[in-house]
């Protein structure tokens, strides 16, 4: 079970990394030539992506904690 969960987590991380890379490429093609305002927009977008990733990670950790608690409860009752 644990090995399967680790494999699923790795797959999720890989797909999220690929999603971020696609978003970054799309944003770069949209922005065009580098200039200070484009650079600022890129940094803001990167920050937003990282904040979203943090929220997703928190949710995943919370789900794992809940699943572990449920397994423990089932095992003891």
PDB file of N, CA and C in Angstrom:
ATOM      1  N   UNK A   1       0.819  -1.202   0.000  1.00  0.00           N
ATOM      2  CA  UNK A   1       0.000   0.000   0.000  1.00  0.00           C
ATOM      3  C   UNK A   1       0.858   1.260   0.000  1.00  0.00           C
ATOM      4  N   UNK A   2       1.834   1.284   0.874  1.00  0.00           N
ATOM      5  CA  UNK A   2       2.678   2.470   0.967  1.00  0.00           C
ATOM      6  C   UNK A   2       3.448   2.686  -0.324  1.00  0.00           C
ATOM      7  N   UNK A   3       3.950   1.592  -0.901  1.00  0.00           N
ATOM      8  CA  UNK A   3       4.691   1.704  -2.160  1.00  0.00           C
ATOM      9  C   UNK A   3       3.805   2.265  -3.266  1.00  0.00           C
ATOM     10  N   UNK A   4       2.549   1.827  -3.294  1.00  0.00           N
ATOM     11  CA  UNK A   4       1.606   2.335  -4.297  1.00  0.00           C
ATOM     12  C   UNK A   4       1.348   3.825  -4.072  1.00  0.00           C
ATOM     13  N   UNK A   5       1.210   4.239  -2.818  1.00  0.00           N
ATOM     14  CA  UNK A   5       0.985   5.661  -2.523  1.00  0.00           C
ATOM     15  C   UNK A   5       2.184   6.505  -2.935  1.00  0.00           C
ATOM     16  N   UNK A   6       3.384   5.978  -2.696  1.00  0.00           N
ATOM     17  CA  UNK A   6       4.596   6.711  -3.102  1.00  0.00           C
ATOM     18  C   UNK A   6       4.647   6.827  -4.620  1.00  0.00           C
ATOM     19  N   UNK A   7       4.319   5.749  -5.315  1.00  0.00           N
ATOM     20  CA  UNK A   7       4.315   5.781  -6.782  1.00  0.00           C
ATOM     21  C   UNK A   7       3.287   6.788  -7.297  1.00  0.00           C
ATOM     22  N   UNK A   8       2.110   6.814  -6.684  1.00  0.00           N
ATOM     23  CA  UNK A   8       1.080   7.777  -7.092  1.00  0.00           C
ATOM     24  C   UNK A   8       1.538   9.206  -6.826  1.00  0.00           C
ATOM     25  N   UNK A   9       2.187   9.430  -5.687  1.00  0.00           N
ATOM     26  CA  UNK A   9       2.689  10.771  -5.368  1.00  0.00           C
ATOM     27  C   UNK A   9       3.745  11.206  -6.371  1.00  0.00           C
ATOM     28  N   UNK A  10       4.625  10.276  -6.756  1.00  0.00           N
ATOM     29  CA  UNK A  10       5.660  10.612  -7.744  1.00  0.00           C
ATOM     30  C   UNK A  10       5.041  10.936  -9.099  1.00  0.00           C
ATOM     31  N   UNK A  11       4.028  10.173  -9.477  1.00  0.00           N
ATOM     32  CA  UNK A  11       3.339  10.442 -10.743  1.00  0.00           C
ATOM     33  C   UNK A  11       2.663  11.801 -10.702  1.00  0.00           C
ATOM     34  N   UNK A  12       2.039  12.116  -9.570  1.00  0.00           N
ATOM     35  CA  UNK A  12       1.376  13.413  -9.411  1.00  0.00           C
ATOM     36  C   UNK A  12       2.393  14.548  -9.501  1.00  0.00           C
ATOM     37  N   UNK A  13       3.516  14.400  -8.838  1.00  0.00           N
ATOM     38  CA  UNK A  13       4.552  15.444  -8.881  1.00  0.00           C
ATOM     39  C   UNK A  13       5.074  15.635 -10.295  1.00  0.00           C
ATOM     40  N   UNK A  14       5.261  14.531 -11.020  1.00  0.00           N
ATOM     41  CA  UNK A  14       5.760  14.618 -12.390  1.00  0.00           C
ATOM     42  C   UNK A  14       4.752  15.341 -13.280  1.00  0.00           C
ATOM     43  N   UNK A  15       3.477  15.002 -13.139  1.00  0.00           N
ATOM     44  CA  UNK A  15       2.466  15.648 -13.983  1.00  0.00           C
ATOM     45  C   UNK A  15       2.334  17.124 -13.624  1.00  0.00           C
ATOM     46  N   UNK A  16       2.460  17.454 -12.338  1.00  0.00           N
ATOM     47  CA  UNK A  16       2.392  18.858 -11.940  1.00  0.00           C
ATOM     48  C   UNK A  16       3.584  19.628 -12.490  1.00  0.00           C
ATOM     49  N   UNK A  17       4.769  19.015 -12.454  1.00  0.00           N
ATOM     50  CA  UNK A  17       5.972  19.667 -12.985  1.00  0.00           C
ATOM     51  C   UNK A  17       5.801  19.919 -14.482  1.00  0.00           C
ATOM     52  N   UNK A  18       5.246  18.937 -15.200  1.00  0.00           N
ATOM     53  CA  UNK A  18       5.012  19.106 -16.643  1.00  0.00           C
ATOM     54  C   UNK A  18       3.972  20.197 -16.896  1.00  0.00           C
ATOM     55  N   UNK A  19       2.953  20.255 -16.054  1.00  0.00           N
ATOM     56  CA  UNK A  19       1.928  21.301 -16.183  1.00  0.00           C
ATOM     57  C   UNK A  19       2.542  22.688 -15.995  1.00  0.00           C
ATOM     58  N   UNK A  20       3.397  22.825 -14.998  1.00  0.00           N
ATOM     59  CA  UNK A  20       4.062  24.120 -14.773  1.00  0.00           C
ATOM     60  C   UNK A  20       4.961  24.489 -15.934  1.00  0.00           C
ATOM     61  N   UNK A  21       5.660  23.515 -16.494  1.00  0.00           N
ATOM     62  CA  UNK A  21       6.540  23.795 -17.630  1.00  0.00           C
ATOM     63  C   UNK A  21       5.725  24.255 -18.838  1.00  0.00           C
ATOM     64  N   UNK A  22       4.571  23.599 -19.096  1.00  0.00           N
ATOM     65  CA  UNK A  22       3.709  24.030 -20.209  1.00  0.00           C
ATOM     66  C   UNK A  22       3.189  25.440 -19.982  1.00  0.00           C
ATOM     67  N   UNK A  23       2.790  25.743 -18.759  1.00  0.00           N
ATOM     68  CA  UNK A  23       2.280  27.076 -18.448  1.00  0.00           C
ATOM     69  C   UNK A  23       3.368  28.129 -18.633  1.00  0.00           C
ATOM     70  N   UNK A  24       4.580  27.814 -18.206  1.00  0.00           N
ATOM     71  CA  UNK A  24       5.686  28.761 -18.360  1.00  0.00           C
ATOM     72  C   UNK A  24       5.997  29.010 -19.834  1.00  0.00           C
ATOM     73  N   UNK A  25       6.000  27.942 -20.632  1.00  0.00           N
ATOM     74  CA  UNK A  25       6.257  28.120 -22.077  1.00  0.00           C
ATOM     75  C   UNK A  25       5.164  28.961 -22.731  1.00  0.00           C
ATOM     76  N   UNK A  26       3.913  28.707 -22.349  1.00  0.00           N
ATOM     77  CA  UNK A  26       2.805  29.485 -22.913  1.00  0.00           C
ATOM     78  C   UNK A  26       2.923  30.950 -22.518  1.00  0.00           C
ATOM     79  N   UNK A  27       3.276  31.189 -21.265  1.00  0.00           N
ATOM     80  CA  UNK A  27       3.413  32.565 -20.798  1.00  0.00           C
ATOM     81  C   UNK A  27       4.559  33.277 -21.506  1.00  0.00           C
ATOM     82  N   UNK A  28       5.673  32.583 -21.680  1.00  0.00           N
ATOM     83  CA  UNK A  28       6.813  33.200 -22.374  1.00  0.00           C
ATOM     84  C   UNK A  28       6.469  33.532 -23.819  1.00  0.00           C
ATOM     85  N   UNK A  29       5.744  32.644 -24.487  1.00  0.00           N
ATOM     86  CA  UNK A  29       5.379  32.939 -25.876  1.00  0.00           C
ATOM     87  C   UNK A  29       4.386  34.095 -25.938  1.00  0.00           C
ATOM     88  N   UNK A  30       3.541  34.226 -24.922  1.00  0.00           N
ATOM     89  CA  UNK A  30       2.574  35.322 -24.875  1.00  0.00           C
ATOM     90  C   UNK A  30       3.271  36.657 -24.614  1.00  0.00           C
ATOM     91  N   UNK A  31       4.264  36.656 -23.742  1.00  0.00           N
ATOM     92  CA  UNK A  31       4.929  37.914 -23.366  1.00  0.00           C
ATOM     93  C   UNK A  31       5.795  38.484 -24.479  1.00  0.00           C
ATOM     94  N   UNK A  32       6.433  37.627 -25.258  1.00  0.00           N
ATOM     95  CA  UNK A  32       7.270  38.116 -26.347  1.00  0.00           C
ATOM     96  C   UNK A  32       8.626  38.583 -25.862  1.00  0.00           C
ATOM     97  N   UNK A  33       9.069  39.738 -26.367  1.00  0.00           N
ATOM     98  CA  UNK A  33      10.404  40.247 -26.052  1.00  0.00           C
ATOM     99  C   UNK A  33      10.544  40.567 -24.572  1.00  0.00           C
ATOM    100  N   UNK A  34      11.734  40.276 -24.002  1.00  0.00           N
ATOM    101  CA  UNK A  34      11.951  40.592 -22.584  1.00  0.00           C
ATOM    102  C   UNK A  34      12.032  42.097 -22.348  1.00  0.00           C
ATOM    103  N   UNK A  35      11.366  42.548 -21.328  1.00  0.00           N
ATOM    104  CA  UNK A  35      11.453  43.932 -20.878  1.00  0.00           C
ATOM    105  C   UNK A  35      11.076  43.922 -19.385  1.00  0.00           C
ATOM    106  N   UNK A  36      11.320  45.004 -18.661  1.00  0.00           N
ATOM    107  CA  UNK A  36      11.049  44.996 -17.213  1.00  0.00           C
ATOM    108  C   UNK A  36       9.596  44.659 -16.851  1.00  0.00           C
ATOM    109  N   UNK A  37       8.629  45.156 -17.613  1.00  0.00           N
ATOM    110  CA  UNK A  37       7.238  44.868 -17.255  1.00  0.00           C
ATOM    111  C   UNK A  37       6.898  43.398 -17.513  1.00  0.00           C
ATOM    112  N   UNK A  38       7.424  42.843 -18.608  1.00  0.00           N
ATOM    113  CA  UNK A  38       7.192  41.423 -18.885  1.00  0.00           C
ATOM    114  C   UNK A  38       7.855  40.546 -17.830  1.00  0.00           C
ATOM    115  N   UNK A  39       9.050  40.962 -17.415  1.00  0.00           N
ATOM    116  CA  UNK A  39       9.756  40.203 -16.388  1.00  0.00           C
ATOM    117  C   UNK A  39       8.963  40.202 -15.085  1.00  0.00           C
ATOM    118  N   UNK A  40       8.395  41.334 -14.739  1.00  0.00           N
ATOM    119  CA  UNK A  40       7.591  41.420 -13.512  1.00  0.00           C
ATOM    120  C   UNK A  40       6.349  40.527 -13.602  1.00  0.00           C
ATOM    121  N   UNK A  41       5.695  40.538 -14.772  1.00  0.00           N
ATOM    122  CA  UNK A  41       4.516  39.681 -14.953  1.00  0.00           C
ATOM    123  C   UNK A  41       4.901  38.207 -14.836  1.00  0.00           C
ATOM    124  N   UNK A  42       6.066  37.839 -15.379  1.00  0.00           N
ATOM    125  CA  UNK A  42       6.532  36.471 -15.305  1.00  0.00           C
ATOM    126  C   UNK A  42       6.809  36.068 -13.855  1.00  0.00           C
ATOM    127  N   UNK A  43       7.448  36.961 -13.109  1.00  0.00           N
ATOM    128  CA  UNK A  43       7.719  36.680 -11.691  1.00  0.00           C
ATOM    129  C   UNK A  43       6.426  36.547 -10.895  1.00  0.00           C
ATOM    130  N   UNK A  44       5.457  37.408 -11.169  1.00  0.00           N
ATOM    131  CA  UNK A  44       4.161  37.319 -10.485  1.00  0.00           C
ATOM    132  C   UNK A  44       3.463  36.000 -10.806  1.00  0.00           C
ATOM    133  N   UNK A  45       3.502  35.604 -12.071  1.00  0.00           N
ATOM    134  CA  UNK A  45       2.871  34.346 -12.466  1.00  0.00           C
ATOM    135  C   UNK A  45       3.569  33.162 -11.807  1.00  0.00           C
ATOM    136  N   UNK A  46       4.896  33.209 -11.743  1.00  0.00           N
ATOM    137  CA  UNK A  46       5.652  32.126 -11.095  1.00  0.00           C
ATOM    138  C   UNK A  46       5.291  32.041  -9.616  1.00  0.00           C
ATOM    139  N   UNK A  47       5.135  33.203  -8.981  1.00  0.00           N
ATOM    140  CA  UNK A  47       4.754  33.222  -7.558  1.00  0.00           C
ATOM    141  C   UNK A  47       3.357  32.619  -7.380  1.00  0.00           C
ATOM    142  N   UNK A  48       2.428  32.976  -8.274  1.00  0.00           N
ATOM    143  CA  UNK A  48       1.068  32.428  -8.192  1.00  0.00           C
ATOM    144  C   UNK A  48       1.078  30.915  -8.367  1.00  0.00           C
ATOM    145  N   UNK A  49       1.898  30.424  -9.317  1.00  0.00           N
ATOM    146  CA  UNK A  49       1.994  28.979  -9.518  1.00  0.00           C
ATOM    147  C   UNK A  49       2.553  28.288  -8.284  1.00  0.00           C
ATOM    148  N   UNK A  50       3.553  28.896  -7.664  1.00  0.00           N
ATOM    149  CA  UNK A  50       4.150  28.298  -6.467  1.00  0.00           C
ATOM    150  C   UNK A  50       3.170  28.310  -5.299  1.00  0.00           C
ATOM    151  N   UNK A  51       2.397  29.383  -5.174  1.00  0.00           N
ATOM    152  CA  UNK A  51       1.388  29.443  -4.110  1.00  0.00           C
ATOM    153  C   UNK A  51       0.335  28.362  -4.325  1.00  0.00           C
ATOM    154  N   UNK A  52      -0.092  28.180  -5.564  1.00  0.00           N
ATOM    155  CA  UNK A  52      -1.070  27.134  -5.860  1.00  0.00           C
ATOM    156  C   UNK A  52      -0.493  25.759  -5.562  1.00  0.00           C
ATOM    157  N   UNK A  53       0.778  25.563  -5.888  1.00  0.00           N
ATOM    158  CA  UNK A  53       1.428  24.279  -5.604  1.00  0.00           C
ATOM    159  C   UNK A  53       1.482  24.020  -4.099  1.00  0.00           C
ATOM    160  N   UNK A  54       1.743  25.058  -3.326  1.00  0.00           N
ATOM    161  CA  UNK A  54       1.789  24.906  -1.875  1.00  0.00           C
ATOM    162  C   UNK A  54       0.427  24.500  -1.321  1.00  0.00           C
ATOM    163  N   UNK A  55      -0.626  25.103  -1.839  1.00  0.00           N
ATOM    164  CA  UNK A  55      -1.978  24.754  -1.397  1.00  0.00           C
ATOM    165  C   UNK A  55      -2.286  23.301  -1.750  1.00  0.00           C
ATOM    166  N   UNK A  56      -1.890  22.882  -2.967  1.00  0.00           N
ATOM    167  CA  UNK A  56      -2.112  21.484  -3.368  1.00  0.00           C
ATOM    168  C   UNK A  56      -1.341  20.530  -2.474  1.00  0.00           C
ATOM    169  N   UNK A  57      -0.083  20.884  -2.158  1.00  0.00           N
ATOM    170  CA  UNK A  57       0.719  20.018  -1.284  1.00  0.00           C
ATOM    171  C   UNK A  57       0.085  19.904   0.094  1.00  0.00           C
ATOM    172  N   UNK A  58      -0.402  21.023   0.624  1.00  0.00           N
ATOM    173  CA  UNK A  58      -1.076  20.983   1.921  1.00  0.00           C
ATOM    174  C   UNK A  58      -2.298  20.079   1.875  1.00  0.00           C
ATOM    175  N   UNK A  59      -3.064  20.166   0.818  1.00  0.00           N
ATOM    176  CA  UNK A  59      -4.237  19.312   0.670  1.00  0.00           C
ATOM    177  C   UNK A  59      -3.858  17.842   0.598  1.00  0.00           C
ATOM    178  N   UNK A  60      -2.794  17.540  -0.130  1.00  0.00           N
ATOM    179  CA  UNK A  60      -2.344  16.150  -0.256  1.00  0.00           C
ATOM    180  C   UNK A  60      -1.868  15.610   1.089  1.00  0.00           C
ATOM    181  N   UNK A  61      -1.137  16.420   1.828  1.00  0.00           N
ATOM    182  CA  UNK A  61      -0.663  15.996   3.148  1.00  0.00           C
ATOM    183  C   UNK A  61      -1.845  15.766   4.084  1.00  0.00           C
ATOM    184  N   UNK A  62      -2.810  16.650   4.021  1.00  0.00           N
ATOM    185  CA  UNK A  62      -4.001  16.515   4.861  1.00  0.00           C
ATOM    186  C   UNK A  62      -4.766  15.239   4.510  1.00  0.00           C
ATOM    187  N   UNK A  63      -4.895  14.946   3.227  1.00  0.00           N
ATOM    188  CA  UNK A  63      -5.595  13.722   2.809  1.00  0.00           C
ATOM    189  C   UNK A  63      -4.858  12.482   3.280  1.00  0.00           C
ATOM    190  N   UNK A  64      -3.531  12.497   3.190  1.00  0.00           N
ATOM    191  CA  UNK A  64      -2.749  11.347   3.659  1.00  0.00           C
ATOM    192  C   UNK A  64      -2.905  11.158   5.157  1.00  0.00           C
ATOM    193  N   UNK A  65      -2.899  12.260   5.891  1.00  0.00           N
ATOM    194  CA  UNK A  65      -3.070  12.187   7.344  1.00  0.00           C
ATOM    195  C   UNK A  65      -4.436  11.602   7.687  1.00  0.00           C
ATOM    196  N   UNK A  66      -5.476  12.060   6.991  1.00  0.00           N
ATOM    197  CA  UNK A  66      -6.821  11.544   7.238  1.00  0.00           C
ATOM    198  C   UNK A  66      -6.916  10.059   6.895  1.00  0.00           C
ATOM    199  N   UNK A  67      -6.297   9.664   5.787  1.00  0.00           N
ATOM    200  CA  UNK A  67      -6.329   8.255   5.383  1.00  0.00           C
ATOM    201  C   UNK A  67      -5.597   7.389   6.406  1.00  0.00           C
ATOM    202  N   UNK A  68      -4.482   7.878   6.909  1.00  0.00           N
ATOM    203  CA  UNK A  68      -3.730   7.138   7.912  1.00  0.00           C
ATOM    204  C   UNK A  68      -4.537   7.011   9.201  1.00  0.00           C
ATOM    205  N   UNK A  69      -5.185   8.087   9.604  1.00  0.00           N
ATOM    206  CA  UNK A  69      -6.023   8.045  10.800  1.00  0.00           C
ATOM    207  C   UNK A  69      -7.159   7.049  10.631  1.00  0.00           C
ATOM    208  N   UNK A  70      -7.765   7.029   9.453  1.00  0.00           N
ATOM    209  CA  UNK A  70      -8.862   6.097   9.196  1.00  0.00           C
ATOM    210  C   UNK A  70      -8.365   4.653   9.241  1.00  0.00           C
ATOM    211  N   UNK A  71      -7.207   4.396   8.630  1.00  0.00           N
ATOM    212  CA  UNK A  71      -6.641   3.038   8.672  1.00  0.00           C
ATOM    213  C   UNK A  71      -6.347   2.609  10.099  1.00  0.00           C
ATOM    214  N   UNK A  72      -5.806   3.521  10.877  1.00  0.00           N
ATOM    215  CA  UNK A  72      -5.507   3.217  12.276  1.00  0.00           C
ATOM    216  C   UNK A  72      -6.786   2.922  13.054  1.00  0.00           C
ATOM    217  N   UNK A  73      -7.814   3.693  12.822  1.00  0.00           N
ATOM    218  CA  UNK A  73      -9.093   3.483  13.497  1.00  0.00           C
ATOM    219  C   UNK A  73      -9.688   2.126  13.120  1.00  0.00           C
ATOM    220  N   UNK A  74      -9.636   1.817  11.810  1.00  0.00           N
ATOM    221  CA  UNK A  74     -10.185   0.540  11.358  1.00  0.00           C
ATOM    222  C   UNK A  74      -9.385  -0.629  11.947  1.00  0.00           C
ATOM    223  N   UNK A  75      -8.088  -0.470  12.019  1.00  0.00           N
ATOM    224  CA  UNK A  75      -7.239  -1.545  12.534  1.00  0.00           C
ATOM    225  C   UNK A  75      -7.477  -1.788  14.025  1.00  0.00           C
ATOM    226  N   UNK A  76      -7.826  -0.752  14.765  1.00  0.00           N
ATOM    227  CA  UNK A  76      -8.009  -0.905  16.205  1.00  0.00           C
ATOM    228  C   UNK A  76      -9.434  -1.232  16.601  1.00  0.00           C
ATOM    229  N   UNK A  77     -10.388  -1.126  15.681  1.00  0.00           N
ATOM    230  CA  UNK A  77     -11.789  -1.394  16.042  1.00  0.00           C
ATOM    231  C   UNK A  77     -12.372  -2.529  15.270  1.00  0.00           C
TER     232      UNK A  77
END
